[in-house]
Structure formats: C-alpha cells, structure tokens
Amino acid sequence: MPKPDVSYFSGRDGVRLAYREVGRGRPLVLLHGISGDSTMWLRHGHAETFAAHGRRVIMPDFRGHGRSAKPHDAACYSPDVLAEDGLALLDDLALDDYDLGGYSLGARMVVRMLVRGATPGRAVVAGQGLREVLGLGGGAGSFLRRVFAGSGSFEPGSPEEQADRWLRSSGADPVALLHVLDSVVPTPLEPLGRIQVPTLVVIGADDERAATAGQLAAALPRGTSAVVPGDHGTAAGTPELAAAILDFLADH
C-alpha cells in the first residue's frame, strides 16, 4: 500500500483535519466510510488506479477518524459538520474544477455537500441507498451504537464481536465516533431533486442497501446506477468498483 505524506487543513471551526494525496491531474476528492479513514482508498489499490488514469486523488480523514482530530466535546460535532469540513477542504485547496466521490458514510457526505452547494463536474455515491440518505433506517449507525454499548460482551464470532475486535485494534475512538454519528443529518427528496450534477450511484449486489439504491439514482435528476460484486464490506475493495467509477468519470 502506498504511504503518501499526511497534510493538514483547518475546519471552519478550527479543528485540525488530515488528508492524503496521490497522483497528478484532474482532482478527485474521495471520502471514506464510518470508523475508517482515507487509507481505505489506498489499501484496495483504488487510489493508485485513479492516479494512473491522470487523477490527483485527494483523500481526507473525517474528524473523529484517522489522523484528524478526535475531540470529545459534542460542540465540535454540529449537525452536518462532516459536509462542512468537506467544503472547507475544497476552499483550502482552491478546487473549482474537480470530481467528488464517497463510499458508505462518505457517500452520504457527497450528497450533503451537493445539497450545500458543492459543484463537482461529476459525483459518485457508492454503497448507499435512498432509505439511508432519507434517514429512514439502515446504515451502520445503529449497529455501531450497539457495538459501543456492549463492547467486550459479545458472543465470539458474532458480527458484533468481530466489529468490536476490529475497532479496538484499529485505534478507533468510540466517543468521537458516536459524536460523528449524531452529527449526520438526512437529505429529503426535495433537495435531492434539485441536484444537477451527474451522479453515479454504485452498489454491491449483495449489499442490503441495494434495495433502494436504484430509487436513489432515480431521485437524482442526472443520476445513473451500477452494480458491482460483493456486500457492503467487500464491494468497497473490488476492482469492479474502481472500474465503474473510472468509466463514469471518463464520460465527462
């Protein structure tokens, strides 16, 4: 896995936030999922693939994640703060001609950034469905809350025990992550219908979110959809995901 240097910028409230870059060319900002960090895009080789196709790949760590600050003060996690941080990154790097993508929570933040005025040439919403974007259930939030509440008490081999073990080994901060979850806001249908950026909704065939991924694409005026192999966890690492994103971006 490449290990690019970590750079920093400030959120609009002054919180120190991290990002990594690989490649040169047209900027592509990629957002990761809950409890992960920007190395998601490096670990699976996607960032290198995009860089090899002439992309400057910019990968921030959300606040509460990775190398970014993880404050425990709830006041540092105002509603929609992750989208606000994403917009601050665009301003800090003076990006006005770029593409934007995200997976899972990162995909929800792509939607939030679009609603709040981000104007990428193209956008990618991966690993999300309409139900989650509308805030009607699903997603990782309730599962993670259960894991944090019962840490150390789960049956060996259960999904909760595996997630608990992974979170412990990765150095995740449960207090910060709970604040992050509390900051996420839904996006109603009306603002979705005002997004004019061409947007790809791409989902794993066995992801439970696939049930409403097509509806999400249909709710976006310039939405299109694609399906790749895998469930929510495994689809993120497939070469088919990178290929679907590259095919979509190449049309711009």
Foldseek 3Di string as FASTA:
>chain_A
DDDFDWDWDAFPVGFIWIKGKDAAAAEEEEEEAFLAFQCLCVVLPLRVVVRVVGYTYMTIGFALYDPTDQDLDLVCQAALSRLSRVVVVCVVVVDDEHEYEYAQVSLLSQLVNLLVPRDYQEYEREHAFLCVQQVNDDGCLVLLVVLVVQQPPDDPPDPSPVVSVVSVVVVRDSSSSNSNSVNYDHDDLVSQQVRPRQYEYEYEPAEPRVVGSVVSQVSHPNGDYYYDHDYSVCRSSDVVVSVVVVVVVVVD
